[in-house]
Amino acid sequence: MTKSELIARIAERNPHLYQRDVERIVSTIFEEIAGALGRGDRVELRGFGAFSVKHRDSRMGRNPRTGETVSVVAKAAPYFKTGKQLRELLNKDAPVS
């Protein structure tokens, strides 16, 4: 699902809202999540999951094309961990072992 599909679906389910308002709401939510992650905060949406930032140390890597070793700088990467309700929803038909 793309952002525009999400906006269209929310607008469809809420006919009392204008599509431009739904678009503004969805954009604001994404901006707030990105802003919180940018500040190093954790964002938790109960039942859905939690967004956080993982810090990766600098290291020596390898260029797969040439085999040459290259220095990879330290960086921060977004990380998402699913919530219990979402995991259960995705695995409701999975066989129990």
N, C-alpha and C. Protein backbone atom coordinates (compact mmCIF):
# COMPACT_ATOMS: atom_id res chain seq x y z
N MET A 1 0.85 -1.17 0.00
CA MET A 1 0.00 0.00 0.00
C MET A 1 0.89 1.24 0.00
N THR A 2 0.60 2.15 -0.88
CA THR A 2 1.35 3.40 -0.95
C THR A 2 0.66 4.46 -0.08
N LYS A 3 1.36 5.56 0.13
CA LYS A 3 0.80 6.65 0.93
C LYS A 3 -0.50 7.17 0.31
N SER A 4 -0.52 7.31 -1.01
CA SER A 4 -1.73 7.82 -1.66
C SER A 4 -2.89 6.82 -1.54
N GLU A 5 -2.59 5.52 -1.58
CA GLU A 5 -3.64 4.51 -1.38
C GLU A 5 -4.17 4.55 0.04
N LEU A 6 -3.28 4.76 1.00
CA LEU A 6 -3.70 4.88 2.40
C LEU A 6 -4.61 6.09 2.57
N ILE A 7 -4.23 7.21 2.00
CA ILE A 7 -5.05 8.43 2.08
C ILE A 7 -6.42 8.19 1.45
N ALA A 8 -6.44 7.56 0.29
CA ALA A 8 -7.71 7.30 -0.41
C ALA A 8 -8.61 6.39 0.42
N ARG A 9 -8.02 5.36 1.04
CA ARG A 9 -8.82 4.42 1.84
C ARG A 9 -9.39 5.10 3.08
N ILE A 10 -8.58 5.92 3.75
CA ILE A 10 -9.07 6.63 4.94
C ILE A 10 -10.17 7.61 4.55
N ALA A 11 -9.99 8.33 3.45
CA ALA A 11 -11.00 9.27 2.98
C ALA A 11 -12.29 8.54 2.62
N GLU A 12 -12.17 7.37 2.02
CA GLU A 12 -13.33 6.56 1.64
C GLU A 12 -14.12 6.11 2.87
N ARG A 13 -13.40 5.74 3.92
CA ARG A 13 -14.05 5.26 5.14
C ARG A 13 -14.58 6.39 6.02
N ASN A 14 -14.16 7.60 5.73
CA ASN A 14 -14.59 8.77 6.51
C ASN A 14 -15.10 9.85 5.57
N PRO A 15 -16.30 9.65 5.01
CA PRO A 15 -16.82 10.60 4.01
C PRO A 15 -17.06 12.00 4.56
N HIS A 16 -17.08 12.15 5.88
CA HIS A 16 -17.29 13.47 6.47
C HIS A 16 -16.01 14.32 6.44
N LEU A 17 -14.87 13.70 6.05
CA LEU A 17 -13.60 14.42 5.96
C LEU A 17 -13.25 14.68 4.50
N TYR A 18 -12.69 15.86 4.24
CA TYR A 18 -12.21 16.15 2.89
C TYR A 18 -10.91 15.39 2.67
N GLN A 19 -10.67 14.99 1.42
CA GLN A 19 -9.45 14.24 1.11
C GLN A 19 -8.21 15.07 1.42
N ARG A 20 -8.24 16.38 1.20
CA ARG A 20 -7.07 17.21 1.48
C ARG A 20 -6.76 17.23 2.97
N ASP A 21 -7.82 17.14 3.82
CA ASP A 21 -7.60 17.10 5.26
C ASP A 21 -7.00 15.76 5.68
N VAL A 22 -7.48 14.67 5.08
CA VAL A 22 -6.92 13.34 5.37
C VAL A 22 -5.45 13.31 4.95
N GLU A 23 -5.15 13.90 3.79
CA GLU A 23 -3.78 13.96 3.31
C GLU A 23 -2.89 14.73 4.29
N ARG A 24 -3.39 15.81 4.80
CA ARG A 24 -2.64 16.62 5.77
C ARG A 24 -2.43 15.84 7.08
N ILE A 25 -3.43 15.11 7.52
CA ILE A 25 -3.33 14.31 8.75
C ILE A 25 -2.27 13.22 8.59
N VAL A 26 -2.35 12.47 7.50
CA VAL A 26 -1.40 11.38 7.27
C VAL A 26 0.02 11.94 7.15
N SER A 27 0.20 13.02 6.41
CA SER A 27 1.52 13.63 6.27
C SER A 27 2.06 14.11 7.60
N THR A 28 1.20 14.69 8.42
CA THR A 28 1.62 15.16 9.74
C THR A 28 2.06 14.01 10.63
N ILE A 29 1.34 12.91 10.59
CA ILE A 29 1.72 11.74 11.39
C ILE A 29 3.09 11.23 10.96
N PHE A 30 3.31 11.09 9.65
CA PHE A 30 4.60 10.62 9.16
C PHE A 30 5.72 11.59 9.51
N GLU A 31 5.45 12.89 9.41
CA GLU A 31 6.45 13.90 9.76
C GLU A 31 6.79 13.84 11.25
N GLU A 32 5.80 13.63 12.09
CA GLU A 32 6.05 13.53 13.53
C GLU A 32 6.87 12.29 13.88
N ILE A 33 6.57 11.17 13.23
CA ILE A 33 7.36 9.95 13.45
C ILE A 33 8.80 10.19 13.01
N ALA A 34 8.98 10.75 11.81
CA ALA A 34 10.33 11.01 11.31
C ALA A 34 11.07 12.01 12.20
N GLY A 35 10.37 13.04 12.67
CA GLY A 35 10.99 14.02 13.56
C GLY A 35 11.43 13.41 14.87
N ALA A 36 10.59 12.56 15.44
CA ALA A 36 10.94 11.89 16.70
C ALA A 36 12.15 10.99 16.51
N LEU A 37 12.18 10.24 15.41
CA LEU A 37 13.33 9.38 15.14
C LEU A 37 14.59 10.22 14.92
N GLY A 38 14.42 11.36 14.26
CA GLY A 38 15.54 12.26 14.04
C GLY A 38 16.13 12.79 15.33
N ARG A 39 15.30 12.95 16.35
CA ARG A 39 15.76 13.39 17.68
C ARG A 39 16.30 12.23 18.51
N GLY A 40 16.18 11.01 17.97
CA GLY A 40 16.65 9.84 18.70
C GLY A 40 15.61 9.23 19.61
N ASP A 41 14.37 9.69 19.52
CA ASP A 41 13.28 9.16 20.34
C ASP A 41 12.74 7.86 19.73
N ARG A 42 11.99 7.15 20.53
CA ARG A 42 11.33 5.91 20.10
C ARG A 42 9.85 6.24 19.94
N VAL A 43 9.21 5.69 18.91
CA VAL A 43 7.79 5.92 18.67
C VAL A 43 7.09 4.58 18.78
N GLU A 44 6.15 4.47 19.72
CA GLU A 44 5.43 3.21 19.93
C GLU A 44 3.96 3.40 19.63
N LEU A 45 3.43 2.56 18.76
CA LEU A 45 2.01 2.54 18.43
C LEU A 45 1.48 1.21 18.93
N ARG A 46 0.83 1.23 20.08
CA ARG A 46 0.39 0.00 20.75
C ARG A 46 -0.37 -0.91 19.80
N GLY A 47 -0.01 -2.17 19.81
CA GLY A 47 -0.67 -3.17 18.97
C GLY A 47 -0.14 -3.21 17.56
N PHE A 48 0.51 -2.14 17.11
CA PHE A 48 1.04 -2.09 15.75
C PHE A 48 2.54 -2.34 15.74
N GLY A 49 3.28 -1.56 16.52
CA GLY A 49 4.72 -1.76 16.57
C GLY A 49 5.44 -0.54 17.10
N ALA A 50 6.75 -0.61 17.08
CA ALA A 50 7.58 0.48 17.60
C ALA A 50 8.69 0.81 16.61
N PHE A 51 8.89 2.10 16.38
CA PHE A 51 9.96 2.59 15.55
C PHE A 51 11.07 3.08 16.46
N SER A 52 12.31 2.77 16.12
CA SER A 52 13.44 3.27 16.88
C SER A 52 14.62 3.45 15.92
N VAL A 53 15.73 3.95 16.45
CA VAL A 53 16.92 4.18 15.65
C VAL A 53 18.01 3.25 16.15
N LYS A 54 18.63 2.53 15.24
CA LYS A 54 19.76 1.68 15.56
C LYS A 54 21.02 2.37 15.02
N HIS A 55 22.04 2.42 15.85
CA HIS A 55 23.30 3.04 15.44
C HIS A 55 24.28 1.95 15.02
N ARG A 56 24.84 2.12 13.84
CA ARG A 56 25.80 1.16 13.31
C ARG A 56 27.18 1.77 13.35
N ASP A 57 28.13 1.06 13.91
CA ASP A 57 29.50 1.54 14.01
C ASP A 57 30.17 1.54 12.64
N SER A 58 31.25 2.32 12.53
CA SER A 58 32.02 2.30 11.29
C SER A 58 32.71 0.94 11.19
N ARG A 59 33.01 0.53 9.97
CA ARG A 59 33.61 -0.78 9.77
C ARG A 59 34.31 -0.81 8.42
N MET A 60 35.02 -1.87 8.20
CA MET A 60 35.65 -2.09 6.90
C MET A 60 34.73 -3.01 6.11
N GLY A 61 34.36 -2.59 4.91
CA GLY A 61 33.50 -3.38 4.05
C GLY A 61 34.24 -3.79 2.79
N ARG A 62 33.52 -4.38 1.87
CA ARG A 62 34.13 -4.85 0.63
C ARG A 62 33.25 -4.46 -0.53
N ASN A 63 33.86 -3.90 -1.56
CA ASN A 63 33.14 -3.59 -2.78
C ASN A 63 32.89 -4.92 -3.50
N PRO A 64 31.62 -5.33 -3.68
CA PRO A 64 31.34 -6.65 -4.27
C PRO A 64 31.79 -6.76 -5.73
N ARG A 65 31.87 -5.65 -6.42
CA ARG A 65 32.25 -5.71 -7.83
C ARG A 65 33.76 -5.91 -8.01
N THR A 66 34.55 -5.18 -7.18
CA THR A 66 36.00 -5.23 -7.36
C THR A 66 36.72 -6.05 -6.29
N GLY A 67 36.05 -6.29 -5.17
CA GLY A 67 36.69 -7.01 -4.07
C GLY A 67 37.56 -6.11 -3.20
N GLU A 68 37.65 -4.85 -3.57
CA GLU A 68 38.46 -3.88 -2.84
C GLU A 68 37.83 -3.59 -1.47
N THR A 69 38.66 -3.46 -0.42
CA THR A 69 38.13 -3.10 0.90
C THR A 69 37.90 -1.60 0.94
N VAL A 70 36.79 -1.22 1.55
CA VAL A 70 36.43 0.19 1.67
C VAL A 70 35.99 0.47 3.11
N SER A 71 36.17 1.72 3.50
CA SER A 71 35.76 2.13 4.84
C SER A 71 34.28 2.54 4.79
N VAL A 72 33.48 1.98 5.68
CA VAL A 72 32.06 2.33 5.77
C VAL A 72 31.89 3.17 7.03
N VAL A 73 31.36 4.38 6.87
CA VAL A 73 31.23 5.29 8.00
C VAL A 73 30.10 4.85 8.94
N ALA A 74 30.16 5.31 10.19
CA ALA A 74 29.09 5.03 11.16
C ALA A 74 27.82 5.70 10.68
N LYS A 75 26.69 5.08 10.97
CA LYS A 75 25.41 5.66 10.54
C LYS A 75 24.28 5.21 11.45
N ALA A 76 23.19 5.93 11.35
CA ALA A 76 21.97 5.58 12.08
C ALA A 76 20.97 5.04 11.07
N ALA A 77 20.22 4.00 11.45
CA ALA A 77 19.24 3.40 10.55
C ALA A 77 17.93 3.22 11.30
N PRO A 78 16.80 3.48 10.63
CA PRO A 78 15.51 3.25 11.28
C PRO A 78 15.27 1.77 11.48
N TYR A 79 14.57 1.42 12.56
CA TYR A 79 14.28 0.04 12.89
C TYR A 79 12.83 -0.05 13.32
N PHE A 80 12.13 -1.09 12.87
CA PHE A 80 10.73 -1.29 13.23
C PHE A 80 10.56 -2.67 13.82
N LYS A 81 9.93 -2.74 14.97
CA LYS A 81 9.61 -4.02 15.60
C LYS A 81 8.09 -4.12 15.70
N THR A 82 7.53 -5.20 15.17
CA THR A 82 6.08 -5.35 15.18
C THR A 82 5.55 -5.55 16.59
N GLY A 83 4.32 -5.09 16.80
CA GLY A 83 3.65 -5.28 18.07
C GLY A 83 3.00 -6.65 18.13
N LYS A 84 2.62 -7.05 19.32
CA LYS A 84 2.05 -8.39 19.53
C LYS A 84 0.77 -8.60 18.72
N GLN A 85 -0.14 -7.62 18.72
CA GLN A 85 -1.41 -7.78 17.99
C GLN A 85 -1.17 -7.93 16.49
N LEU A 86 -0.26 -7.17 15.93
CA LEU A 86 0.03 -7.26 14.50
C LEU A 86 0.66 -8.61 14.17
N ARG A 87 1.59 -9.08 14.99
CA ARG A 87 2.20 -10.40 14.78
C ARG A 87 1.15 -11.49 14.81
N GLU A 88 0.23 -11.41 15.78
CA GLU A 88 -0.83 -12.42 15.89
C GLU A 88 -1.75 -12.38 14.68
N LEU A 89 -2.07 -11.18 14.19
CA LEU A 89 -2.92 -11.05 13.02
C LEU A 89 -2.25 -11.67 11.79
N LEU A 90 -0.96 -11.42 11.64
CA LEU A 90 -0.23 -11.97 10.49
C LEU A 90 -0.06 -13.47 10.56
N ASN A 91 -0.07 -14.03 11.76
CA ASN A 91 0.19 -15.46 11.93
C ASN A 91 -1.04 -16.23 12.39
N LYS A 92 -2.23 -15.69 12.21
CA LYS A 92 -3.44 -16.36 12.71
C LYS A 92 -3.70 -17.69 12.03
N ASP A 93 -3.26 -17.85 10.78
CA ASP A 93 -3.48 -19.09 10.05
C ASP A 93 -2.26 -20.00 10.06
N ALA A 94 -1.20 -19.59 10.75
CA ALA A 94 0.03 -20.39 10.78
C ALA A 94 -0.19 -21.63 11.64
N PRO A 95 0.36 -22.75 11.24
CA PRO A 95 0.21 -23.98 12.03
C PRO A 95 0.94 -23.85 13.37
N VAL A 96 0.33 -24.38 14.40
CA VAL A 96 0.92 -24.35 15.74
C VAL A 96 1.81 -25.57 15.88
N SER A 97 3.06 -25.36 16.28
CA SER A 97 3.97 -26.50 16.41
C SER A 97 4.28 -26.80 17.86
